[in-house]
């Protein structure tokens, strides 16, 4: 059995790092897509529809 602390285990640390990158990317997409719709269409209504669809 491995007695090292959890954050010193390379596979677990790699998994946690991948999870952080994945979550950050998902959150950026959640913000960027409505912003893109607002900038390209200049319509707050269309942006709100995108936000509603994301939820």
C-alpha atoms as a PDB file:
ATOM      1  CA  UNK A   1       0.000   0.000   0.000  1.00  0.00           C
ATOM      2  CA  UNK A   2       1.200   3.499  -0.812  1.00  0.00           C
ATOM      3  CA  UNK A   3       1.666   5.733   2.241  1.00  0.00           C
ATOM      4  CA  UNK A   4       2.394   8.919   0.303  1.00  0.00           C
ATOM      5  CA  UNK A   5      -0.029  11.840   0.662  1.00  0.00           C
ATOM      6  CA  UNK A   6      -2.692  11.929  -2.040  1.00  0.00           C
ATOM      7  CA  UNK A   7      -1.325  14.999  -3.837  1.00  0.00           C
ATOM      8  CA  UNK A   8       2.108  13.358  -4.205  1.00  0.00           C
ATOM      9  CA  UNK A   9       0.751  10.564  -6.393  1.00  0.00           C
ATOM     10  CA  UNK A  10       1.424  11.435 -10.034  1.00  0.00           C
ATOM     11  CA  UNK A  11      -1.614   9.734 -11.613  1.00  0.00           C
ATOM     12  CA  UNK A  12      -3.988  11.454  -9.209  1.00  0.00           C
ATOM     13  CA  UNK A  13      -2.259  14.799  -9.688  1.00  0.00           C
ATOM     14  CA  UNK A  14      -2.519  14.397 -13.473  1.00  0.00           C
ATOM     15  CA  UNK A  15      -6.217  13.594 -13.160  1.00  0.00           C
ATOM     16  CA  UNK A  16      -6.840  16.637 -10.969  1.00  0.00           C
ATOM     17  CA  UNK A  17      -4.941  18.890 -13.389  1.00  0.00           C
ATOM     18  CA  UNK A  18      -6.962  17.543 -16.323  1.00  0.00           C
ATOM     19  CA  UNK A  19     -10.184  18.153 -14.401  1.00  0.00           C
ATOM     20  CA  UNK A  20      -9.197  21.769 -13.706  1.00  0.00           C
ATOM     21  CA  UNK A  21      -8.370  22.373 -17.379  1.00  0.00           C
ATOM     22  CA  UNK A  22     -11.622  20.753 -18.500  1.00  0.00           C
ATOM     23  CA  UNK A  23     -13.762  22.712 -16.047  1.00  0.00           C
ATOM     24  CA  UNK A  24     -12.057  25.975 -16.963  1.00  0.00           C
ATOM     25  CA  UNK A  25     -12.691  25.340 -20.652  1.00  0.00           C
ATOM     26  CA  UNK A  26     -16.333  24.538 -20.035  1.00  0.00           C
ATOM     27  CA  UNK A  27     -16.830  27.699 -17.997  1.00  0.00           C
ATOM     28  CA  UNK A  28     -15.118  29.813 -20.656  1.00  0.00           C
ATOM     29  CA  UNK A  29     -17.436  28.364 -23.302  1.00  0.00           C
ATOM     30  CA  UNK A  30     -20.451  29.092 -21.094  1.00  0.00           C
ATOM     31  CA  UNK A  31     -19.397  32.747 -21.029  1.00  0.00           C
ATOM     32  CA  UNK A  32     -17.974  33.124 -24.545  1.00  0.00           C
ATOM     33  CA  UNK A  33     -20.898  31.764 -26.560  1.00  0.00           C
ATOM     34  CA  UNK A  34     -23.501  34.310 -25.369  1.00  0.00           C
ATOM     35  CA  UNK A  35     -20.900  37.065 -25.716  1.00  0.00           C
ATOM     36  CA  UNK A  36     -20.206  35.992 -29.303  1.00  0.00           C
ATOM     37  CA  UNK A  37     -23.925  36.068 -30.101  1.00  0.00           C
ATOM     38  CA  UNK A  38     -24.246  39.538 -28.569  1.00  0.00           C
ATOM     39  CA  UNK A  39     -21.239  40.921 -30.454  1.00  0.00           C
ATOM     40  CA  UNK A  40     -22.215  39.446 -33.819  1.00  0.00           C
ATOM     41  CA  UNK A  41     -25.970  40.057 -33.697  1.00  0.00           C
ATOM     42  CA  UNK A  42     -26.142  43.132 -31.416  1.00  0.00           C
ATOM     43  CA  UNK A  43     -29.266  41.571 -29.946  1.00  0.00           C
ATOM     44  CA  UNK A  44     -29.699  41.107 -26.214  1.00  0.00           C
ATOM     45  CA  UNK A  45     -32.761  38.991 -26.944  1.00  0.00           C
ATOM     46  CA  UNK A  46     -30.774  36.465 -28.965  1.00  0.00           C
ATOM     47  CA  UNK A  47     -28.073  36.434 -26.314  1.00  0.00           C
ATOM     48  CA  UNK A  48     -30.657  35.716 -23.620  1.00  0.00           C
ATOM     49  CA  UNK A  49     -32.018  32.844 -25.712  1.00  0.00           C
ATOM     50  CA  UNK A  50     -28.529  31.338 -25.876  1.00  0.00           C
ATOM     51  CA  UNK A  51     -28.098  31.753 -22.111  1.00  0.00           C
ATOM     52  CA  UNK A  52     -31.484  30.126 -21.560  1.00  0.00           C
ATOM     53  CA  UNK A  53     -30.544  27.228 -23.822  1.00  0.00           C
ATOM     54  CA  UNK A  54     -27.281  26.736 -21.934  1.00  0.00           C
ATOM     55  CA  UNK A  55     -29.081  26.477 -18.627  1.00  0.00           C
END
